[in-house]
Amino acid sequence: MNYLQLCQAVRSRIGMHGSGPSTVVSPTDVEKDIVDAVYDAWIDIQNYRDEWDWMRATESFSLAAGTVNYTKTTVGGPSNRISKFIPDSLWLLKDSKYSFLRYLDYEHFDHLHKNDTENVVPYEYSFKPWDGSISITRPDSVYTVYVDYFKTPQKLAANTDTPELPERFHNLIIYLAIEKLGASIASPSQAMEYAQTYAETMGQLMRHQLPKKSVRIRGIA
């Protein structure tokens, strides 16, 4: 479902008459409450965990000879959505072959390479903890490298904007939006019902997207 369809589904499930909103752009009155609730619900779901699989992506960029530090903007461009780079995920392309670069924590990397003056084929790297930029052993030439990262939250704006999480879990946004509307449009019983459904579906999403984590589902008291 896209942004507009999610908003219309929220209105329908609450039991309100009509079929609006007709647009998510500059809504008014009760429709603004619905649009805002869907927007906030989607942001909250993305922020609930730092390592959702659907928010993982890969970026390639070029190293410059003698250049050690690469910011998120350098890697992904001015409109990048890089939240944080993923350790042990940087690969270098040289002579049509990929080689794995070793990740070190920043203190260790800085201790080993702070005074490096010789340009070499890069072999180690780290991330600066204060801005997340990449520091790499001083390149001796131009290389293409690939790095995995987690994206910043997607912000819905247009009618046709579609949440990036797997479509089977789009209802999760509806459930949380209705819960958020419990203080205004939705009845307390509706808000409680959808809060319980949200908790159960969130558990399913976590098992699907975070396979290495143990997930326990607790009902809403």
N, C-alpha and C. Protein backbone atom coordinates (compact mmCIF):
# COMPACT_ATOMS: atom_id res chain seq x y z
N MET A 1 0.83 -1.20 0.00
CA MET A 1 0.00 0.00 0.00
C MET A 1 0.87 1.25 0.00
N ASN A 2 0.38 2.28 -0.68
CA ASN A 2 1.10 3.55 -0.64
C ASN A 2 0.57 4.42 0.50
N TYR A 3 1.14 5.60 0.63
CA TYR A 3 0.81 6.50 1.74
C TYR A 3 -0.69 6.79 1.77
N LEU A 4 -1.26 7.16 0.63
CA LEU A 4 -2.67 7.50 0.58
C LEU A 4 -3.54 6.29 0.92
N GLN A 5 -3.21 5.14 0.39
CA GLN A 5 -4.00 3.93 0.66
C GLN A 5 -3.95 3.56 2.14
N LEU A 6 -2.81 3.75 2.78
CA LEU A 6 -2.71 3.48 4.21
C LEU A 6 -3.63 4.40 4.99
N CYS A 7 -3.65 5.67 4.63
CA CYS A 7 -4.51 6.63 5.32
C CYS A 7 -5.99 6.28 5.13
N GLN A 8 -6.35 5.90 3.93
CA GLN A 8 -7.73 5.51 3.67
C GLN A 8 -8.10 4.24 4.43
N ALA A 9 -7.15 3.31 4.56
CA ALA A 9 -7.41 2.08 5.30
C ALA A 9 -7.62 2.38 6.78
N VAL A 10 -6.86 3.31 7.33
CA VAL A 10 -7.04 3.70 8.73
C VAL A 10 -8.45 4.24 8.95
N ARG A 11 -8.87 5.14 8.07
CA ARG A 11 -10.21 5.71 8.20
C ARG A 11 -11.28 4.62 8.13
N SER A 12 -11.10 3.69 7.21
CA SER A 12 -12.09 2.62 7.04
C SER A 12 -12.16 1.73 8.28
N ARG A 13 -11.02 1.38 8.84
CA ARG A 13 -11.01 0.46 9.98
C ARG A 13 -11.54 1.12 11.25
N ILE A 14 -11.39 2.43 11.34
CA ILE A 14 -11.97 3.12 12.49
C ILE A 14 -13.49 3.14 12.39
N GLY A 15 -13.99 3.04 11.16
CA GLY A 15 -15.44 3.02 10.97
C GLY A 15 -16.03 4.36 10.61
N MET A 16 -15.19 5.28 10.17
CA MET A 16 -15.69 6.60 9.78
C MET A 16 -16.37 6.53 8.42
N HIS A 17 -17.40 7.35 8.22
CA HIS A 17 -18.09 7.40 6.94
C HIS A 17 -17.19 8.07 5.90
N GLY A 18 -17.43 7.78 4.64
CA GLY A 18 -16.67 8.40 3.57
C GLY A 18 -15.47 7.55 3.18
N SER A 19 -14.75 8.05 2.19
CA SER A 19 -13.62 7.29 1.65
C SER A 19 -12.32 8.06 1.68
N GLY A 20 -12.29 9.22 2.30
CA GLY A 20 -11.08 10.06 2.31
C GLY A 20 -10.01 9.47 3.21
N PRO A 21 -8.89 10.17 3.28
CA PRO A 21 -8.58 11.40 2.55
C PRO A 21 -8.35 11.15 1.06
N SER A 22 -8.54 12.19 0.25
CA SER A 22 -8.31 12.09 -1.18
C SER A 22 -6.87 12.42 -1.54
N THR A 23 -6.14 13.00 -0.60
CA THR A 23 -4.73 13.31 -0.81
C THR A 23 -4.05 13.46 0.55
N VAL A 24 -2.75 13.23 0.59
CA VAL A 24 -1.99 13.42 1.82
C VAL A 24 -1.34 14.80 1.85
N VAL A 25 -1.50 15.55 0.77
CA VAL A 25 -0.89 16.87 0.66
C VAL A 25 -1.83 17.92 1.21
N SER A 26 -1.40 18.61 2.25
CA SER A 26 -2.17 19.69 2.90
C SER A 26 -3.57 19.26 3.31
N PRO A 27 -3.71 18.15 4.03
CA PRO A 27 -5.03 17.74 4.50
C PRO A 27 -5.50 18.67 5.62
N THR A 28 -6.78 18.63 5.91
CA THR A 28 -7.34 19.48 6.96
C THR A 28 -8.18 18.65 7.91
N ASP A 29 -8.42 19.24 9.09
CA ASP A 29 -9.31 18.68 10.09
C ASP A 29 -8.96 17.23 10.44
N VAL A 30 -9.97 16.35 10.43
CA VAL A 30 -9.76 14.98 10.88
C VAL A 30 -8.82 14.23 9.94
N GLU A 31 -8.86 14.59 8.66
CA GLU A 31 -7.98 13.90 7.71
C GLU A 31 -6.51 14.21 7.98
N LYS A 32 -6.22 15.40 8.47
CA LYS A 32 -4.84 15.72 8.86
C LYS A 32 -4.39 14.85 10.02
N ASP A 33 -5.29 14.59 10.97
CA ASP A 33 -4.95 13.70 12.08
C ASP A 33 -4.57 12.31 11.56
N ILE A 34 -5.33 11.81 10.60
CA ILE A 34 -5.07 10.48 10.04
C ILE A 34 -3.74 10.47 9.30
N VAL A 35 -3.52 11.44 8.44
CA VAL A 35 -2.27 11.52 7.66
C VAL A 35 -1.07 11.62 8.59
N ASP A 36 -1.17 12.46 9.61
CA ASP A 36 -0.07 12.62 10.56
C ASP A 36 0.18 11.33 11.34
N ALA A 37 -0.88 10.63 11.72
CA ALA A 37 -0.72 9.39 12.49
C ALA A 37 -0.01 8.33 11.67
N VAL A 38 -0.36 8.21 10.39
CA VAL A 38 0.31 7.23 9.52
C VAL A 38 1.78 7.61 9.34
N TYR A 39 2.04 8.89 9.12
CA TYR A 39 3.43 9.34 8.96
C TYR A 39 4.25 9.00 10.21
N ASP A 40 3.71 9.36 11.37
CA ASP A 40 4.44 9.12 12.63
C ASP A 40 4.60 7.63 12.91
N ALA A 41 3.57 6.83 12.59
CA ALA A 41 3.65 5.39 12.82
C ALA A 41 4.78 4.78 12.01
N TRP A 42 4.92 5.18 10.76
CA TRP A 42 5.96 4.63 9.90
C TRP A 42 7.35 5.03 10.40
N ILE A 43 7.51 6.27 10.84
CA ILE A 43 8.79 6.69 11.40
C ILE A 43 9.11 5.89 12.66
N ASP A 44 8.13 5.70 13.52
CA ASP A 44 8.35 4.96 14.77
C ASP A 44 8.75 3.52 14.51
N ILE A 45 8.13 2.87 13.54
CA ILE A 45 8.46 1.48 13.23
C ILE A 45 9.90 1.38 12.75
N GLN A 46 10.31 2.30 11.89
CA GLN A 46 11.69 2.27 11.39
C GLN A 46 12.70 2.50 12.51
N ASN A 47 12.33 3.36 13.45
CA ASN A 47 13.25 3.68 14.55
C ASN A 47 13.22 2.65 15.67
N TYR A 48 12.30 1.69 15.61
CA TYR A 48 12.16 0.73 16.70
C TYR A 48 13.39 -0.16 16.85
N ARG A 49 14.06 -0.43 15.74
CA ARG A 49 15.31 -1.17 15.76
C ARG A 49 16.30 -0.50 14.82
N ASP A 50 17.58 -0.65 15.10
CA ASP A 50 18.61 -0.05 14.26
C ASP A 50 19.00 -0.92 13.07
N GLU A 51 18.60 -2.18 13.07
CA GLU A 51 19.17 -3.12 12.10
C GLU A 51 18.10 -3.93 11.35
N TRP A 52 17.05 -3.26 10.90
CA TRP A 52 16.07 -3.93 10.06
C TRP A 52 16.72 -4.34 8.75
N ASP A 53 16.44 -5.56 8.29
CA ASP A 53 17.01 -6.03 7.03
C ASP A 53 16.60 -5.14 5.85
N TRP A 54 15.34 -4.68 5.84
CA TRP A 54 14.89 -3.89 4.69
C TRP A 54 15.58 -2.53 4.63
N MET A 55 16.21 -2.10 5.72
CA MET A 55 16.90 -0.82 5.72
C MET A 55 18.40 -0.96 5.44
N ARG A 56 18.80 -2.16 5.07
CA ARG A 56 20.20 -2.40 4.72
C ARG A 56 20.41 -2.21 3.22
N ALA A 57 21.52 -1.59 2.85
CA ALA A 57 21.82 -1.35 1.44
C ALA A 57 23.33 -1.33 1.25
N THR A 58 23.75 -1.29 -0.01
CA THR A 58 25.17 -1.26 -0.37
C THR A 58 25.44 -0.04 -1.23
N GLU A 59 26.56 0.61 -0.99
CA GLU A 59 26.98 1.76 -1.78
C GLU A 59 28.39 1.53 -2.29
N SER A 60 28.67 1.98 -3.50
CA SER A 60 30.04 1.96 -4.02
C SER A 60 30.54 3.38 -4.15
N PHE A 61 31.83 3.56 -3.98
CA PHE A 61 32.43 4.88 -4.14
C PHE A 61 33.90 4.71 -4.50
N SER A 62 34.53 5.80 -4.88
CA SER A 62 35.92 5.75 -5.33
C SER A 62 36.86 6.30 -4.27
N LEU A 63 37.93 5.57 -4.04
CA LEU A 63 39.02 6.07 -3.21
C LEU A 63 39.93 6.94 -4.07
N ALA A 64 40.48 7.97 -3.45
CA ALA A 64 41.45 8.82 -4.14
C ALA A 64 42.83 8.56 -3.55
N ALA A 65 43.83 8.54 -4.39
CA ALA A 65 45.21 8.29 -3.93
C ALA A 65 45.58 9.28 -2.83
N GLY A 66 46.07 8.74 -1.71
CA GLY A 66 46.52 9.56 -0.60
C GLY A 66 45.43 10.08 0.32
N THR A 67 44.16 9.83 0.00
CA THR A 67 43.05 10.33 0.82
C THR A 67 42.58 9.26 1.78
N VAL A 68 42.60 9.57 3.08
CA VAL A 68 42.32 8.59 4.13
C VAL A 68 40.87 8.61 4.58
N ASN A 69 40.24 9.78 4.63
CA ASN A 69 38.92 9.93 5.23
C ASN A 69 37.82 10.19 4.19
N TYR A 70 36.65 9.52 4.40
CA TYR A 70 35.54 9.61 3.47
C TYR A 70 34.24 9.78 4.27
N THR A 71 33.60 10.93 4.10
CA THR A 71 32.36 11.20 4.83
C THR A 71 31.19 10.48 4.19
N LYS A 72 30.05 10.49 4.88
CA LYS A 72 28.84 9.88 4.32
C LYS A 72 28.44 10.58 3.03
N THR A 73 28.62 11.88 2.95
CA THR A 73 28.29 12.62 1.74
C THR A 73 29.22 12.23 0.60
N THR A 74 30.50 12.03 0.91
CA THR A 74 31.45 11.58 -0.10
C THR A 74 31.06 10.22 -0.65
N VAL A 75 30.61 9.34 0.23
CA VAL A 75 30.26 7.98 -0.17
C VAL A 75 28.94 7.96 -0.93
N GLY A 76 27.92 8.60 -0.40
CA GLY A 76 26.58 8.46 -0.96
C GLY A 76 26.02 9.66 -1.67
N GLY A 77 26.74 10.78 -1.69
CA GLY A 77 26.24 11.98 -2.34
C GLY A 77 25.46 12.86 -1.38
N PRO A 78 25.12 14.09 -1.81
CA PRO A 78 24.45 15.06 -0.92
C PRO A 78 23.11 14.58 -0.37
N SER A 79 22.37 13.77 -1.14
CA SER A 79 21.05 13.32 -0.69
C SER A 79 21.07 11.91 -0.12
N ASN A 80 22.25 11.49 0.35
CA ASN A 80 22.37 10.12 0.85
C ASN A 80 21.47 9.89 2.07
N ARG A 81 21.13 8.62 2.29
CA ARG A 81 20.35 8.22 3.45
C ARG A 81 21.15 7.26 4.32
N ILE A 82 22.44 7.49 4.41
CA ILE A 82 23.30 6.62 5.20
C ILE A 82 23.15 6.97 6.68
N SER A 83 22.67 6.03 7.45
CA SER A 83 22.58 6.22 8.90
C SER A 83 23.89 5.79 9.56
N LYS A 84 24.30 4.55 9.30
CA LYS A 84 25.58 4.07 9.83
C LYS A 84 26.11 2.97 8.93
N PHE A 85 27.43 2.96 8.77
CA PHE A 85 28.08 1.90 8.01
C PHE A 85 28.14 0.62 8.86
N ILE A 86 28.24 -0.51 8.19
CA ILE A 86 28.24 -1.80 8.87
C ILE A 86 29.65 -2.35 8.91
N PRO A 87 30.19 -2.65 10.09
CA PRO A 87 31.54 -3.23 10.19
C PRO A 87 31.65 -4.53 9.40
N ASP A 88 32.88 -4.83 8.98
CA ASP A 88 33.17 -6.07 8.25
C ASP A 88 32.34 -6.18 6.97
N SER A 89 32.19 -5.06 6.27
CA SER A 89 31.38 -5.11 5.04
C SER A 89 32.02 -4.32 3.90
N LEU A 90 33.31 -4.01 4.01
CA LEU A 90 33.94 -3.19 2.99
C LEU A 90 34.84 -4.05 2.10
N TRP A 91 34.60 -3.93 0.79
CA TRP A 91 35.31 -4.71 -0.21
C TRP A 91 35.96 -3.77 -1.22
N LEU A 92 37.15 -4.13 -1.66
CA LEU A 92 37.90 -3.33 -2.62
C LEU A 92 38.00 -4.08 -3.95
N LEU A 93 37.76 -3.35 -5.04
CA LEU A 93 37.85 -3.93 -6.38
C LEU A 93 39.19 -3.53 -7.01
N LYS A 94 39.99 -4.52 -7.34
CA LYS A 94 41.31 -4.29 -7.93
C LYS A 94 41.58 -5.38 -8.96
N ASP A 95 41.89 -4.94 -10.16
CA ASP A 95 42.19 -5.89 -11.25
C ASP A 95 41.05 -6.90 -11.43
N SER A 96 39.82 -6.36 -11.36
CA SER A 96 38.61 -7.17 -11.58
C SER A 96 38.40 -8.24 -10.50
N LYS A 97 39.07 -8.11 -9.37
CA LYS A 97 38.90 -9.04 -8.26
C LYS A 97 38.56 -8.26 -6.99
N TYR A 98 37.74 -8.89 -6.15
CA TYR A 98 37.34 -8.26 -4.88
C TYR A 98 38.22 -8.80 -3.75
N SER A 99 38.62 -7.89 -2.88
CA SER A 99 39.35 -8.30 -1.68
C SER A 99 38.68 -7.69 -0.46
N PHE A 100 38.66 -8.47 0.61
CA PHE A 100 38.01 -8.06 1.86
C PHE A 100 38.97 -7.22 2.69
N LEU A 101 38.52 -6.06 3.15
CA LEU A 101 39.35 -5.21 4.00
C LEU A 101 39.01 -5.47 5.46
N ARG A 102 40.03 -5.48 6.30
CA ARG A 102 39.83 -5.81 7.71
C ARG A 102 39.34 -4.59 8.49
N TYR A 103 38.28 -4.81 9.27
CA TYR A 103 37.74 -3.73 10.11
C TYR A 103 38.41 -3.74 11.48
N LEU A 104 38.78 -2.54 11.96
CA LEU A 104 39.32 -2.36 13.31
C LEU A 104 38.48 -1.31 14.03
N ASP A 105 38.35 -1.43 15.35
CA ASP A 105 37.71 -0.35 16.09
C ASP A 105 38.59 0.89 15.95
N TYR A 106 37.97 2.06 16.10
CA TYR A 106 38.67 3.28 15.70
C TYR A 106 39.92 3.54 16.54
N GLU A 107 39.87 3.28 17.84
CA GLU A 107 41.04 3.53 18.68
C GLU A 107 42.23 2.70 18.22
N HIS A 108 41.97 1.44 17.89
CA HIS A 108 43.02 0.55 17.42
C HIS A 108 43.55 1.03 16.06
N PHE A 109 42.63 1.37 15.16
CA PHE A 109 43.03 1.84 13.83
C PHE A 109 43.87 3.12 13.94
N ASP A 110 43.41 4.06 14.75
CA ASP A 110 44.12 5.34 14.89
C ASP A 110 45.51 5.13 15.48
N HIS A 111 45.61 4.22 16.43
CA HIS A 111 46.91 3.94 17.05
C HIS A 111 47.88 3.36 16.03
N LEU A 112 47.40 2.50 15.15
CA LEU A 112 48.27 1.85 14.18
C LEU A 112 48.64 2.76 13.01
N HIS A 113 47.71 3.64 12.61
CA HIS A 113 47.89 4.31 11.33
C HIS A 113 47.92 5.83 11.39
N LYS A 114 47.91 6.40 12.58
CA LYS A 114 47.90 7.87 12.70
C LYS A 114 49.07 8.51 11.97
N ASN A 115 50.23 7.89 12.02
CA ASN A 115 51.43 8.49 11.43
C ASN A 115 51.83 7.87 10.09
N ASP A 116 50.90 7.15 9.46
CA ASP A 116 51.21 6.57 8.15
C ASP A 116 51.53 7.67 7.13
N THR A 117 52.56 7.47 6.35
CA THR A 117 52.90 8.40 5.27
C THR A 117 53.00 7.70 3.92
N GLU A 118 53.10 6.39 3.94
CA GLU A 118 53.26 5.64 2.70
C GLU A 118 51.90 5.25 2.12
N ASN A 119 51.75 5.45 0.83
CA ASN A 119 50.52 5.02 0.14
C ASN A 119 50.62 3.54 -0.21
N VAL A 120 49.55 2.80 0.05
CA VAL A 120 49.56 1.34 -0.14
C VAL A 120 48.23 0.90 -0.73
N VAL A 121 48.17 -0.35 -1.13
CA VAL A 121 46.87 -0.94 -1.46
C VAL A 121 46.10 -1.05 -0.15
N PRO A 122 44.95 -0.41 -0.02
CA PRO A 122 44.23 -0.40 1.26
C PRO A 122 43.94 -1.81 1.77
N TYR A 123 44.08 -1.98 3.09
CA TYR A 123 43.85 -3.30 3.68
C TYR A 123 43.12 -3.25 5.01
N GLU A 124 43.05 -2.08 5.65
CA GLU A 124 42.31 -1.94 6.92
C GLU A 124 41.52 -0.64 6.91
N TYR A 125 40.47 -0.61 7.71
CA TYR A 125 39.64 0.60 7.78
C TYR A 125 38.91 0.63 9.12
N SER A 126 38.28 1.78 9.39
CA SER A 126 37.47 1.92 10.59
C SER A 126 36.45 3.03 10.35
N PHE A 127 35.58 3.26 11.35
CA PHE A 127 34.61 4.34 11.28
C PHE A 127 34.85 5.30 12.44
N LYS A 128 34.88 6.59 12.16
CA LYS A 128 35.03 7.56 13.24
C LYS A 128 33.75 7.59 14.08
N PRO A 129 33.85 7.41 15.38
CA PRO A 129 32.64 7.31 16.20
C PRO A 129 31.84 8.60 16.27
N TRP A 130 32.45 9.78 16.05
CA TRP A 130 31.72 11.03 16.22
C TRP A 130 30.93 11.45 14.97
N ASP A 131 31.26 10.94 13.80
CA ASP A 131 30.48 11.30 12.61
C ASP A 131 30.22 10.12 11.68
N GLY A 132 30.74 8.95 12.02
CA GLY A 132 30.48 7.75 11.23
C GLY A 132 31.23 7.67 9.91
N SER A 133 32.13 8.61 9.64
CA SER A 133 32.87 8.59 8.39
C SER A 133 33.87 7.44 8.37
N ILE A 134 34.32 7.08 7.15
CA ILE A 134 35.24 5.97 6.97
C ILE A 134 36.68 6.48 6.96
N SER A 135 37.54 5.82 7.72
CA SER A 135 38.99 6.04 7.65
C SER A 135 39.62 4.77 7.13
N ILE A 136 40.52 4.91 6.16
CA ILE A 136 41.09 3.75 5.49
C ILE A 136 42.59 3.93 5.34
N THR A 137 43.32 2.82 5.31
CA THR A 137 44.77 2.93 5.11
C THR A 137 45.03 3.65 3.78
N ARG A 138 46.01 4.52 3.78
CA ARG A 138 46.23 5.50 2.72
C ARG A 138 46.37 4.84 1.34
N PRO A 139 45.43 5.10 0.41
CA PRO A 139 45.45 4.43 -0.89
C PRO A 139 46.61 4.90 -1.77
N ASP A 140 47.13 3.99 -2.55
CA ASP A 140 48.20 4.33 -3.48
C ASP A 140 47.69 4.60 -4.89
N SER A 141 46.36 4.46 -5.07
CA SER A 141 45.79 4.68 -6.39
C SER A 141 44.29 4.89 -6.24
N VAL A 142 43.61 5.03 -7.36
CA VAL A 142 42.14 5.12 -7.35
C VAL A 142 41.56 3.71 -7.35
N TYR A 143 40.67 3.45 -6.39
CA TYR A 143 40.02 2.15 -6.30
C TYR A 143 38.52 2.34 -6.11
N THR A 144 37.76 1.37 -6.56
CA THR A 144 36.34 1.32 -6.25
C THR A 144 36.15 0.39 -5.05
N VAL A 145 35.40 0.86 -4.06
CA VAL A 145 35.11 0.03 -2.90
C VAL A 145 33.60 -0.02 -2.69
N TYR A 146 33.17 -1.06 -2.01
CA TYR A 146 31.75 -1.27 -1.71
C TYR A 146 31.60 -1.40 -0.20
N VAL A 147 30.57 -0.78 0.34
CA VAL A 147 30.34 -0.85 1.78
C VAL A 147 28.84 -0.97 2.04
N ASP A 148 28.47 -1.79 3.03
CA ASP A 148 27.08 -1.94 3.44
C ASP A 148 26.75 -0.91 4.51
N TYR A 149 25.48 -0.51 4.55
CA TYR A 149 25.06 0.48 5.54
C TYR A 149 23.58 0.31 5.84
N PHE A 150 23.14 0.92 6.94
CA PHE A 150 21.72 1.01 7.26
C PHE A 150 21.24 2.41 6.92
N LYS A 151 20.04 2.48 6.34
CA LYS A 151 19.49 3.75 5.88
C LYS A 151 18.81 4.51 7.01
N THR A 152 18.76 5.83 6.85
CA THR A 152 17.94 6.66 7.72
C THR A 152 16.47 6.39 7.40
N PRO A 153 15.55 6.73 8.32
CA PRO A 153 14.14 6.46 8.06
C PRO A 153 13.63 7.13 6.79
N GLN A 154 12.80 6.38 6.08
CA GLN A 154 12.12 6.92 4.90
C GLN A 154 10.99 7.84 5.37
N LYS A 155 10.86 9.01 4.74
CA LYS A 155 9.81 9.96 5.08
C LYS A 155 8.77 9.98 3.97
N LEU A 156 7.56 9.59 4.31
CA LEU A 156 6.47 9.60 3.33
C LEU A 156 6.00 11.03 3.10
N ALA A 157 5.76 11.38 1.83
CA ALA A 157 5.35 12.74 1.50
C ALA A 157 4.26 12.79 0.44
N ALA A 158 4.41 12.02 -0.62
CA ALA A 158 3.45 12.05 -1.73
C ALA A 158 2.44 10.92 -1.62
N ASN A 159 1.33 11.06 -2.30
CA ASN A 159 0.27 10.04 -2.27
C ASN A 159 0.80 8.65 -2.60
N THR A 160 1.69 8.57 -3.58
CA THR A 160 2.15 7.27 -4.08
C THR A 160 3.41 6.76 -3.40
N ASP A 161 3.94 7.50 -2.43
CA ASP A 161 5.11 7.00 -1.68
C ASP A 161 4.72 5.70 -0.97
N THR A 162 5.58 4.70 -1.11
CA THR A 162 5.28 3.37 -0.56
C THR A 162 6.32 2.99 0.48
N PRO A 163 5.91 2.58 1.67
CA PRO A 163 6.87 2.16 2.70
C PRO A 163 7.78 1.05 2.19
N GLU A 164 9.02 1.10 2.62
CA GLU A 164 10.03 0.18 2.10
C GLU A 164 10.01 -1.19 2.76
N LEU A 165 9.33 -1.35 3.87
CA LEU A 165 9.31 -2.66 4.52
C LEU A 165 8.50 -3.65 3.67
N PRO A 166 8.70 -4.96 3.88
CA PRO A 166 7.95 -5.95 3.09
C PRO A 166 6.45 -5.68 3.13
N GLU A 167 5.81 -5.81 1.99
CA GLU A 167 4.40 -5.43 1.87
C GLU A 167 3.49 -6.22 2.81
N ARG A 168 3.87 -7.45 3.11
CA ARG A 168 3.03 -8.27 4.00
C ARG A 168 2.89 -7.65 5.38
N PHE A 169 3.78 -6.71 5.73
CA PHE A 169 3.74 -6.08 7.05
C PHE A 169 3.23 -4.64 7.01
N HIS A 170 2.69 -4.19 5.88
CA HIS A 170 2.19 -2.82 5.80
C HIS A 170 1.06 -2.56 6.80
N ASN A 171 0.30 -3.61 7.12
CA ASN A 171 -0.79 -3.42 8.10
C ASN A 171 -0.27 -2.94 9.45
N LEU A 172 0.99 -3.22 9.73
CA LEU A 172 1.57 -2.79 11.00
C LEU A 172 1.47 -1.27 11.15
N ILE A 173 1.64 -0.56 10.06
CA ILE A 173 1.53 0.91 10.09
C ILE A 173 0.10 1.32 10.42
N ILE A 174 -0.85 0.61 9.85
CA ILE A 174 -2.26 0.91 10.13
C ILE A 174 -2.58 0.68 11.61
N TYR A 175 -2.10 -0.45 12.15
CA TYR A 175 -2.39 -0.77 13.55
C TYR A 175 -1.83 0.31 14.48
N LEU A 176 -0.60 0.71 14.25
CA LEU A 176 0.01 1.71 15.13
C LEU A 176 -0.64 3.07 14.95
N ALA A 177 -1.02 3.42 13.74
CA ALA A 177 -1.68 4.70 13.50
C ALA A 177 -3.00 4.77 14.25
N ILE A 178 -3.77 3.68 14.23
CA ILE A 178 -5.05 3.66 14.96
C ILE A 178 -4.79 3.77 16.47
N GLU A 179 -3.76 3.09 16.94
CA GLU A 179 -3.41 3.21 18.36
C GLU A 179 -3.10 4.67 18.70
N LYS A 180 -2.38 5.35 17.81
CA LYS A 180 -2.03 6.75 18.05
C LYS A 180 -3.27 7.65 18.04
N LEU A 181 -4.29 7.25 17.30
CA LEU A 181 -5.51 8.06 17.19
C LEU A 181 -6.48 7.80 18.33
N GLY A 182 -6.08 6.98 19.30
CA GLY A 182 -6.95 6.63 20.41
C GLY A 182 -7.33 7.81 21.28
N ALA A 183 -6.51 8.86 21.25
CA ALA A 183 -6.82 10.04 22.07
C ALA A 183 -7.69 11.04 21.32
N SER A 184 -8.02 10.75 20.06
CA SER A 184 -8.79 11.72 19.29
C SER A 184 -9.92 11.06 18.51
N ILE A 185 -9.60 10.34 17.43
CA ILE A 185 -10.62 9.82 16.52
C ILE A 185 -11.09 8.43 16.90
N ALA A 186 -10.14 7.53 17.11
CA ALA A 186 -10.50 6.14 17.42
C ALA A 186 -11.02 6.04 18.85
N SER A 187 -11.88 5.07 19.09
CA SER A 187 -12.38 4.85 20.44
C SER A 187 -11.31 4.15 21.27
N PRO A 188 -11.38 4.28 22.61
CA PRO A 188 -10.40 3.59 23.45
C PRO A 188 -10.37 2.09 23.22
N SER A 189 -11.53 1.48 22.97
CA SER A 189 -11.56 0.03 22.73
C SER A 189 -10.87 -0.32 21.42
N GLN A 190 -11.05 0.51 20.39
CA GLN A 190 -10.36 0.29 19.12
C GLN A 190 -8.85 0.43 19.30
N ALA A 191 -8.45 1.48 20.01
CA ALA A 191 -7.02 1.70 20.23
C ALA A 191 -6.40 0.53 20.96
N MET A 192 -7.08 -0.01 21.97
CA MET A 192 -6.57 -1.15 22.72
C MET A 192 -6.50 -2.40 21.85
N GLU A 193 -7.52 -2.63 21.05
CA GLU A 193 -7.55 -3.80 20.17
C GLU A 193 -6.39 -3.76 19.18
N TYR A 194 -6.19 -2.62 18.57
CA TYR A 194 -5.13 -2.52 17.56
C TYR A 194 -3.74 -2.47 18.20
N ALA A 195 -3.66 -2.01 19.43
CA ALA A 195 -2.37 -2.06 20.14
C ALA A 195 -1.94 -3.50 20.35
N GLN A 196 -2.89 -4.36 20.68
CA GLN A 196 -2.58 -5.78 20.86
C GLN A 196 -2.18 -6.42 19.54
N THR A 197 -2.93 -6.10 18.47
CA THR A 197 -2.61 -6.65 17.16
C THR A 197 -1.25 -6.14 16.68
N TYR A 198 -0.97 -4.88 16.98
CA TYR A 198 0.33 -4.31 16.61
C TYR A 198 1.46 -5.07 17.30
N ALA A 199 1.32 -5.34 18.59
CA ALA A 199 2.36 -6.04 19.34
C ALA A 199 2.61 -7.43 18.77
N GLU A 200 1.56 -8.13 18.41
CA GLU A 200 1.71 -9.47 17.85
C GLU A 200 2.38 -9.42 16.47
N THR A 201 1.97 -8.46 15.64
CA THR A 201 2.53 -8.36 14.29
C THR A 201 3.96 -7.86 14.34
N MET A 202 4.27 -6.98 15.28
CA MET A 202 5.65 -6.53 15.44
C MET A 202 6.56 -7.70 15.78
N GLY A 203 6.09 -8.63 16.58
CA GLY A 203 6.87 -9.82 16.88
C GLY A 203 7.16 -10.63 15.63
N GLN A 204 6.16 -10.75 14.76
CA GLN A 204 6.37 -11.47 13.49
C GLN A 204 7.39 -10.75 12.62
N LEU A 205 7.29 -9.43 12.57
CA LEU A 205 8.24 -8.65 11.78
C LEU A 205 9.66 -8.82 12.31
N MET A 206 9.82 -8.81 13.61
CA MET A 206 11.15 -8.95 14.20
C MET A 206 11.73 -10.32 13.92
N ARG A 207 10.91 -11.36 13.98
CA ARG A 207 11.41 -12.69 13.65
C ARG A 207 11.81 -12.78 12.19
N HIS A 208 11.11 -12.07 11.34
CA HIS A 208 11.39 -12.09 9.90
C HIS A 208 12.63 -11.27 9.55
N GLN A 209 12.80 -10.14 10.23
CA GLN A 209 13.84 -9.19 9.86
C GLN A 209 15.08 -9.25 10.73
N LEU A 210 14.95 -9.85 11.91
CA LEU A 210 16.08 -9.94 12.84
C LEU A 210 16.26 -11.40 13.24
N PRO A 211 16.65 -12.25 12.30
CA PRO A 211 16.67 -13.70 12.57
C PRO A 211 17.64 -14.12 13.66
N LYS A 212 18.62 -13.30 13.98
CA LYS A 212 19.60 -13.68 14.99
C LYS A 212 19.17 -13.29 16.40
N LYS A 213 18.04 -12.59 16.50
CA LYS A 213 17.60 -12.12 17.81
C LYS A 213 16.44 -12.97 18.31
N SER A 214 16.40 -13.18 19.61
CA SER A 214 15.30 -13.90 20.24
C SER A 214 14.17 -12.91 20.52
N VAL A 215 12.94 -13.25 20.10
CA VAL A 215 11.82 -12.35 20.23
C VAL A 215 10.76 -12.98 21.10
N ARG A 216 10.36 -12.29 22.17
CA ARG A 216 9.28 -12.74 23.02
C ARG A 216 8.13 -11.75 22.88
N ILE A 217 6.94 -12.28 22.71
CA ILE A 217 5.77 -11.43 22.54
C ILE A 217 5.03 -11.34 23.86
N ARG A 218 4.73 -10.12 24.27
CA ARG A 218 3.95 -9.91 25.48
C ARG A 218 2.68 -9.17 25.11
N GLY A 219 1.59 -9.63 25.64
CA GLY A 219 0.32 -8.97 25.37
C GLY A 219 0.24 -7.62 26.04
N ILE A 220 -0.76 -6.85 25.63
CA ILE A 220 -0.98 -5.54 26.22
C ILE A 220 -1.86 -5.72 27.45
N ALA A 221 -1.40 -5.21 28.58
CA ALA A 221 -2.17 -5.39 29.83
C ALA A 221 -3.42 -4.53 29.79
